[in-house]
Amino acid sequence: MTHTVLVTGVSRHVGARVAGVLAADPDIGRVIGVDTVPPPSPTRDGGSLSGRTEFVRVDLRSPDIAQVIAAADVDIVVHMSLVSGPARSRSAMKEHNVIGTMQLLGACQRSTTVRRVVVRSTTAVYGSAPNDPAVFTEDSEPAEVPHSGYAKDAGDVEGYVRGFARRRPDVVTSTLRFANFMGPGVDSPLTRYFAQPFAPTVFGFDPRLQFVHEDDGVEVLRRMALEDHPGTFNVAGDGVLLLSQCLRRAGRTPLPVPSPVFRFLGEVARAARRLDFTPEQLALMCHGRVVDSGRLIRELGWKPKFGTAAAFEDFLRSRRLSGGLPAAVADRLSDLASGRSTPGPG
């Protein structure tokens, strides 16, 4: 049996890559990529649609998505279209993420052909707070539930996904909570932050960060699309990096400032369309966030090839960013300068 797959969010790098690897699979007969804008031009790293992927311009907030699913007899849906930064306004971002997902799930619920739904979510649903657990599992409750921005949207989306799964128990529904993507083709607020010559940090804080390499993220999405793995799964590379270690490895100059100043700088950068440091990003830069991906590893019998440190190093190589020192030496110097003795990432 061959499958027909619908992938949303194909105008962005990871969405395009997911559509491409699925189109190359012999068990996939047809891949339909949908988005509100055309996908990018072909790139060497696969960040564009392959020739076998059909692009359809559809706004998920409209009922047109139901017609696409019905007309093509779609049986697998991979929802990649959550956006973390507003194109025009916060209200437009919320409509795209939440209302768009509602329309898509409504179309899937009415479909007689859809048998598997995979939804990209984010570890941002756990928030970042001073009294958080050291490591989040999928069953952990956040100390402070996010009340705004992308994290709030993702929480709302997951609620609708759970409702859909209850109404359509015959459809295999998988939710993937990804750590921050990192890699050569990733363009995000965090990758742009590390590319700045001077990196503002929140005075008195050195948060723990986790990354997932784009290659591993694409492979997880491919497996989830082709296999039955219902449930919610964290996705992150092994180990953690402190923000200070990241900056040292990137050869960036940290600029410690009080949190109100950090927030102000983020607003200025956002207005200039250079960075997008929202309140949830400020919280991450204070308290960090670490998740356990053990459930995913046990479910798939597979683990990411890149740990957090290796994913970050690959990003640095691709951007030719370097502090000029080996990572272990740079980390040791950072520890000595701050008077701490911190074990390296595991």
Protein backbone atom coordinates (compact mmCIF):
# COMPACT_ATOMS: atom_id res chain seq x y z
CA MET A 1 0.00 0.00 0.00
CA THR A 2 1.33 3.43 -0.91
CA HIS A 3 0.50 6.50 1.12
CA THR A 4 -0.53 10.06 0.36
CA VAL A 5 1.02 12.52 2.81
CA LEU A 6 0.11 16.13 3.46
CA VAL A 7 2.84 18.27 5.05
CA THR A 8 2.06 21.77 6.31
CA GLY A 9 4.60 24.57 6.71
CA VAL A 10 6.74 23.64 3.71
CA SER A 11 7.90 27.21 3.06
CA ARG A 12 10.22 26.86 6.07
CA HIS A 13 13.44 24.90 6.12
CA VAL A 14 12.59 21.91 8.30
CA GLY A 15 9.11 21.52 6.78
CA ALA A 16 10.60 21.43 3.30
CA ARG A 17 13.17 18.85 4.37
CA VAL A 18 10.50 16.62 5.89
CA ALA A 19 8.45 16.77 2.70
CA GLY A 20 11.57 15.93 0.70
CA VAL A 21 12.56 12.82 2.66
CA LEU A 22 8.99 11.54 2.57
CA ALA A 23 8.78 12.10 -1.19
CA ALA A 24 11.93 9.99 -1.58
CA ASP A 25 10.43 7.03 0.31
CA PRO A 26 9.22 4.21 -1.96
CA ASP A 27 6.18 3.59 0.27
CA ILE A 28 4.95 7.13 -0.36
CA GLY A 29 3.02 7.58 -3.56
CA ARG A 30 2.30 11.28 -3.24
CA VAL A 31 3.39 14.19 -1.04
CA ILE A 32 1.39 17.42 -0.97
CA GLY A 33 3.09 20.41 0.64
CA VAL A 34 0.88 23.28 1.75
CA ASP A 35 1.67 26.78 2.99
CA THR A 36 0.59 30.37 2.50
CA VAL A 37 3.74 31.28 0.54
CA PRO A 38 5.77 29.30 -2.02
CA PRO A 39 8.67 27.18 -0.79
CA PRO A 40 12.26 28.41 -1.16
CA SER A 41 14.45 27.81 -4.18
CA PRO A 42 16.43 24.57 -4.18
CA THR A 43 19.42 24.45 -1.83
CA ARG A 44 22.26 22.00 -1.42
CA ASP A 45 21.21 21.01 2.12
CA GLY A 46 17.74 19.89 1.06
CA GLY A 47 15.92 22.91 2.48
CA SER A 48 13.46 23.10 -0.40
CA LEU A 49 10.79 20.92 -1.96
CA SER A 50 11.85 18.00 -4.11
CA GLY A 51 10.48 17.60 -7.60
CA ARG A 52 8.06 14.87 -6.44
CA THR A 53 6.35 17.13 -3.91
CA GLU A 54 3.26 18.99 -5.08
CA PHE A 55 2.86 22.48 -3.62
CA VAL A 56 -0.60 23.86 -2.92
CA ARG A 57 -1.05 27.39 -1.62
CA VAL A 58 -3.51 27.10 1.28
CA ASP A 59 -4.17 29.21 4.35
CA LEU A 60 -4.91 26.75 7.14
CA ARG A 61 -7.36 29.21 8.65
CA SER A 62 -9.65 28.68 5.67
CA PRO A 63 -11.86 25.63 5.04
CA ASP A 64 -9.92 24.96 1.81
CA ILE A 65 -7.62 22.55 3.64
CA ALA A 66 -10.53 20.09 4.00
CA GLN A 67 -11.01 20.11 0.23
CA VAL A 68 -7.32 19.34 -0.33
CA ILE A 69 -7.41 16.39 2.09
CA ALA A 70 -10.62 14.99 0.60
CA ALA A 71 -9.63 15.45 -3.05
CA ALA A 72 -6.25 13.72 -2.62
CA ASP A 73 -7.41 10.92 -0.27
CA VAL A 74 -4.71 11.95 2.21
CA ASP A 75 -4.02 9.26 4.83
CA ILE A 76 -1.03 10.81 6.68
CA VAL A 77 -0.86 14.42 7.91
CA VAL A 78 2.36 15.99 9.24
CA HIS A 79 1.59 19.38 10.77
CA MET A 80 4.74 21.53 10.76
CA SER A 81 3.14 24.93 10.44
CA LEU A 82 3.47 26.39 13.94
CA VAL A 83 5.38 29.67 13.76
CA SER A 84 7.42 31.06 16.66
CA GLY A 85 7.62 34.67 15.47
CA PRO A 86 4.84 36.99 14.30
CA ALA A 87 5.07 37.96 10.62
CA ARG A 88 2.86 41.00 11.14
CA SER A 89 1.39 40.92 14.63
CA ARG A 90 0.87 38.71 17.64
CA SER A 91 -2.80 38.30 16.72
CA ALA A 92 -1.90 37.07 13.21
CA MET A 93 0.56 34.59 14.73
CA LYS A 94 -2.06 33.25 17.14
CA GLU A 95 -4.64 32.91 14.38
CA HIS A 96 -2.17 31.01 12.20
CA ASN A 97 -1.07 28.65 14.98
CA VAL A 98 -4.30 28.04 16.87
CA ILE A 99 -7.12 28.69 14.41
CA GLY A 100 -5.13 27.08 11.60
CA THR A 101 -4.59 23.93 13.68
CA MET A 102 -8.29 23.84 14.61
CA GLN A 103 -9.26 23.96 10.93
CA LEU A 104 -6.73 21.27 10.02
CA LEU A 105 -7.82 18.91 12.80
CA GLY A 106 -11.45 19.54 11.94
CA ALA A 107 -10.72 18.49 8.36
CA CYS A 108 -8.89 15.39 9.61
CA GLN A 109 -11.79 14.52 11.89
CA ARG A 110 -14.26 14.63 9.01
CA SER A 111 -11.97 12.70 6.66
CA THR A 112 -12.65 9.05 5.94
CA THR A 113 -9.08 8.44 4.75
CA VAL A 114 -6.76 10.03 7.35
CA ARG A 115 -5.14 7.33 9.49
CA ARG A 116 -2.13 9.07 11.05
CA VAL A 117 -1.54 12.64 12.30
CA VAL A 118 1.85 13.94 13.47
CA VAL A 119 2.06 17.38 15.10
CA ARG A 120 5.22 19.38 15.69
CA SER A 121 5.14 21.05 19.10
CA THR A 122 7.85 22.51 21.33
CA THR A 123 9.42 22.05 24.75
CA ALA A 124 8.46 25.69 25.33
CA VAL A 125 5.11 24.34 26.59
CA TYR A 126 6.95 23.58 29.86
CA GLY A 127 7.86 27.24 30.29
CA SER A 128 10.98 28.42 32.12
CA ALA A 129 10.71 29.25 35.79
CA PRO A 130 13.08 29.29 38.79
CA ASN A 131 11.22 26.45 40.55
CA ASP A 132 10.97 24.13 37.55
CA PRO A 133 12.15 20.52 37.87
CA ALA A 134 15.74 19.95 36.84
CA VAL A 135 14.58 17.78 33.94
CA PHE A 136 11.11 17.69 32.38
CA THR A 137 9.48 14.43 31.32
CA GLU A 138 6.35 14.34 29.20
CA ASP A 139 4.29 13.89 32.38
CA SER A 140 5.84 16.86 34.23
CA GLU A 141 3.66 19.82 35.11
CA PRO A 142 5.25 23.24 34.54
CA ALA A 143 5.70 25.40 37.61
CA GLU A 144 4.30 28.33 35.64
CA VAL A 145 2.09 27.60 32.64
CA PRO A 146 2.99 29.92 29.73
CA HIS A 147 0.34 32.60 29.33
CA SER A 148 1.52 34.31 26.15
CA GLY A 149 3.33 33.95 22.85
CA TYR A 150 4.42 30.86 20.99
CA ALA A 151 4.48 28.70 24.13
CA LYS A 152 0.85 29.55 24.90
CA ASP A 153 -0.11 28.79 21.28
CA ALA A 154 1.68 25.43 21.45
CA GLY A 155 -0.15 24.55 24.67
CA ASP A 156 -3.49 25.42 23.05
CA VAL A 157 -2.59 23.37 19.97
CA GLU A 158 -1.72 20.35 22.11
CA GLY A 159 -5.08 20.66 23.84
CA TYR A 160 -6.87 20.53 20.49
CA VAL A 161 -4.73 17.55 19.45
CA ARG A 162 -5.73 15.66 22.61
CA GLY A 163 -9.38 16.41 21.88
CA PHE A 164 -8.98 15.17 18.31
CA ALA A 165 -7.34 11.96 19.55
CA ARG A 166 -10.31 11.31 21.86
CA ARG A 167 -12.84 11.90 19.09
CA ARG A 168 -10.94 9.82 16.52
CA PRO A 169 -9.29 6.96 18.45
CA ASP A 170 -8.91 5.12 15.15
CA VAL A 171 -6.36 7.72 13.99
CA VAL A 172 -2.80 7.35 15.32
CA THR A 173 -1.92 10.76 16.76
CA SER A 174 1.64 11.75 17.72
CA THR A 175 2.80 15.01 19.31
CA LEU A 176 6.51 15.87 19.23
CA ARG A 177 7.90 18.45 21.66
CA PHE A 178 11.14 19.61 20.07
CA ALA A 179 13.93 21.44 21.83
CA ASN A 180 15.37 24.40 19.92
CA PHE A 181 16.47 23.30 16.46
CA MET A 182 20.12 23.80 15.60
CA GLY A 183 22.06 23.13 12.41
CA PRO A 184 23.39 24.60 9.15
CA GLY A 185 19.99 25.48 7.68
CA VAL A 186 18.19 26.66 10.80
CA ASP A 187 17.21 30.33 11.00
CA SER A 188 15.61 31.11 14.37
CA PRO A 189 15.76 33.80 17.06
CA LEU A 190 18.35 31.69 18.88
CA THR A 191 20.63 31.09 15.88
CA ARG A 192 20.48 34.81 15.04
CA TYR A 193 21.33 35.62 18.64
CA PHE A 194 24.49 33.50 18.55
CA ALA A 195 25.54 35.15 15.26
CA GLN A 196 25.55 38.66 16.79
CA PRO A 197 29.01 40.10 17.65
CA PHE A 198 27.80 41.04 21.14
CA ALA A 199 25.35 38.84 22.98
CA PRO A 200 23.34 40.43 25.80
CA THR A 201 22.85 38.08 28.75
CA VAL A 202 20.77 38.48 31.87
CA PHE A 203 23.05 39.49 34.74
CA GLY A 204 23.36 36.74 37.37
CA PHE A 205 21.99 33.93 35.18
CA ASP A 206 23.69 31.19 33.17
CA PRO A 207 20.88 28.96 31.89
CA ARG A 208 21.14 25.37 30.73
CA LEU A 209 20.16 24.95 27.08
CA GLN A 210 19.33 21.94 24.93
CA PHE A 211 19.28 21.60 21.16
CA VAL A 212 18.13 19.07 18.57
CA HIS A 213 20.00 18.87 15.29
CA GLU A 214 17.84 19.44 12.23
CA ASP A 215 18.92 16.06 10.75
CA ASP A 216 17.67 14.24 13.84
CA GLY A 217 14.47 16.27 13.88
CA VAL A 218 13.74 15.36 10.26
CA GLU A 219 14.46 11.68 10.94
CA VAL A 220 12.08 11.62 13.94
CA LEU A 221 9.33 13.23 11.87
CA ARG A 222 9.92 10.76 9.02
CA ARG A 223 9.67 7.78 11.38
CA MET A 224 6.56 9.12 13.07
CA ALA A 225 4.90 9.69 9.70
CA LEU A 226 5.57 6.13 8.52
CA GLU A 227 5.09 4.18 11.76
CA ASP A 228 2.44 3.99 14.49
CA HIS A 229 3.72 5.73 17.63
CA PRO A 230 0.80 7.37 19.41
CA GLY A 231 1.42 9.75 22.30
CA THR A 232 3.53 12.74 23.26
CA PHE A 233 7.33 12.68 23.05
CA ASN A 234 10.17 15.04 23.99
CA VAL A 235 12.85 15.37 21.30
CA ALA A 236 16.29 16.73 22.27
CA GLY A 237 19.93 15.82 21.87
CA ASP A 238 21.82 14.30 24.80
CA GLY A 239 23.49 16.62 27.28
CA VAL A 240 23.23 20.33 27.97
CA LEU A 241 25.26 23.46 27.37
CA LEU A 242 25.36 26.51 29.60
CA LEU A 243 24.75 29.78 27.79
CA SER A 244 28.27 30.89 28.75
CA GLN A 245 29.69 27.77 27.10
CA CYS A 246 27.72 28.45 23.93
CA LEU A 247 28.97 32.03 23.74
CA ARG A 248 32.57 30.99 24.40
CA ARG A 249 32.43 28.33 21.68
CA ALA A 250 30.88 30.81 19.25
CA GLY A 251 33.51 33.43 19.99
CA ARG A 252 30.82 35.89 21.01
CA THR A 253 31.31 38.61 23.61
CA PRO A 254 28.73 38.37 26.41
CA LEU A 255 27.18 41.61 27.58
CA PRO A 256 25.56 41.04 31.01
CA VAL A 257 22.68 43.44 31.63
CA PRO A 258 19.79 43.59 34.13
CA SER A 259 16.65 41.80 32.96
CA PRO A 260 14.70 45.05 32.23
CA VAL A 261 17.54 46.16 29.94
CA PHE A 262 17.62 42.75 28.26
CA ARG A 263 13.88 43.03 27.65
CA PHE A 264 14.31 46.54 26.22
CA LEU A 265 17.14 45.42 23.91
CA GLY A 266 14.95 42.56 22.73
CA GLU A 267 12.12 44.96 21.88
CA VAL A 268 14.50 47.22 19.96
CA ALA A 269 15.96 44.29 18.03
CA ARG A 270 12.49 42.97 17.26
CA ALA A 271 11.38 46.35 15.93
CA ALA A 272 14.45 46.35 13.68
CA ARG A 273 13.61 42.77 12.57
CA ARG A 274 17.02 41.55 13.71
CA LEU A 275 15.97 39.32 16.59
CA ASP A 276 12.70 38.27 18.15
CA PHE A 277 13.27 38.10 21.89
CA THR A 278 9.84 37.68 23.38
CA PRO A 279 9.08 37.39 27.12
CA GLU A 280 9.31 33.60 26.84
CA GLN A 281 12.81 33.96 25.33
CA LEU A 282 13.75 36.21 28.25
CA ALA A 283 12.56 33.51 30.66
CA LEU A 284 14.64 30.91 28.79
CA MET A 285 17.70 33.14 29.02
CA CYS A 286 17.21 33.33 32.77
CA HIS A 287 16.17 29.83 33.80
CA GLY A 288 16.84 27.58 30.80
CA ARG A 289 15.04 24.30 30.19
CA VAL A 290 16.11 20.64 30.02
CA VAL A 291 13.94 17.68 28.98
CA ASP A 292 14.31 13.91 29.03
CA SER A 293 13.91 12.15 25.66
CA GLY A 294 13.95 8.63 27.08
CA ARG A 295 10.37 7.87 26.07
CA LEU A 296 11.13 8.64 22.41
CA ILE A 297 14.32 6.56 22.44
CA ARG A 298 12.52 3.55 23.93
CA GLU A 299 9.54 3.90 21.58
CA LEU A 300 11.61 4.13 18.40
CA GLY A 301 14.58 1.96 19.44
CA TRP A 302 16.67 4.84 18.11
CA LYS A 303 18.46 7.87 19.51
CA PRO A 304 19.57 11.16 17.95
CA LYS A 305 22.97 11.04 16.27
CA PHE A 306 23.84 14.53 17.52
CA GLY A 307 24.00 15.49 21.17
CA THR A 308 23.32 19.07 22.18
CA ALA A 309 27.01 20.03 22.00
CA ALA A 310 27.55 18.33 18.63
CA ALA A 311 24.47 20.03 17.16
CA PHE A 312 25.75 23.41 18.30
CA GLU A 313 29.23 22.72 16.93
CA ASP A 314 27.76 21.82 13.54
CA PHE A 315 25.84 25.09 13.52
CA LEU A 316 29.03 27.00 14.37
CA ARG A 317 31.00 25.28 11.59
CA SER A 318 28.32 26.08 9.05
CA ARG A 319 28.36 29.77 10.01
CA ARG A 320 32.15 29.88 10.43
CA LEU A 321 31.72 31.02 14.00
CA SER A 322 34.48 30.03 16.38
CA GLY A 323 36.23 31.31 19.44
CA GLY A 324 39.50 29.90 18.07
CA LEU A 325 39.82 27.36 20.91
CA PRO A 326 38.79 23.72 21.21
CA ALA A 327 35.44 23.38 22.95
CA ALA A 328 36.86 21.63 26.04
CA VAL A 329 39.49 24.34 26.53
CA ALA A 330 36.97 27.13 26.00
CA ASP A 331 34.63 25.55 28.56
CA ARG A 332 37.43 25.13 31.10
CA LEU A 333 38.47 28.77 30.71
CA SER A 334 34.86 29.83 31.14
CA ASP A 335 34.62 27.76 34.35
CA LEU A 336 37.83 29.21 35.75
CA ALA A 337 36.77 32.75 34.92
CA SER A 338 33.49 32.31 36.80
CA GLY A 339 35.01 30.42 39.70
CA ARG A 340 32.99 27.28 39.19
CA SER A 341 33.83 23.70 38.33
CA THR A 342 31.13 22.46 36.01
CA PRO A 343 31.21 19.02 34.38
CA GLY A 344 31.09 19.05 30.62
CA PRO A 345 27.91 18.13 28.77
CA GLY A 346 27.06 14.44 28.93
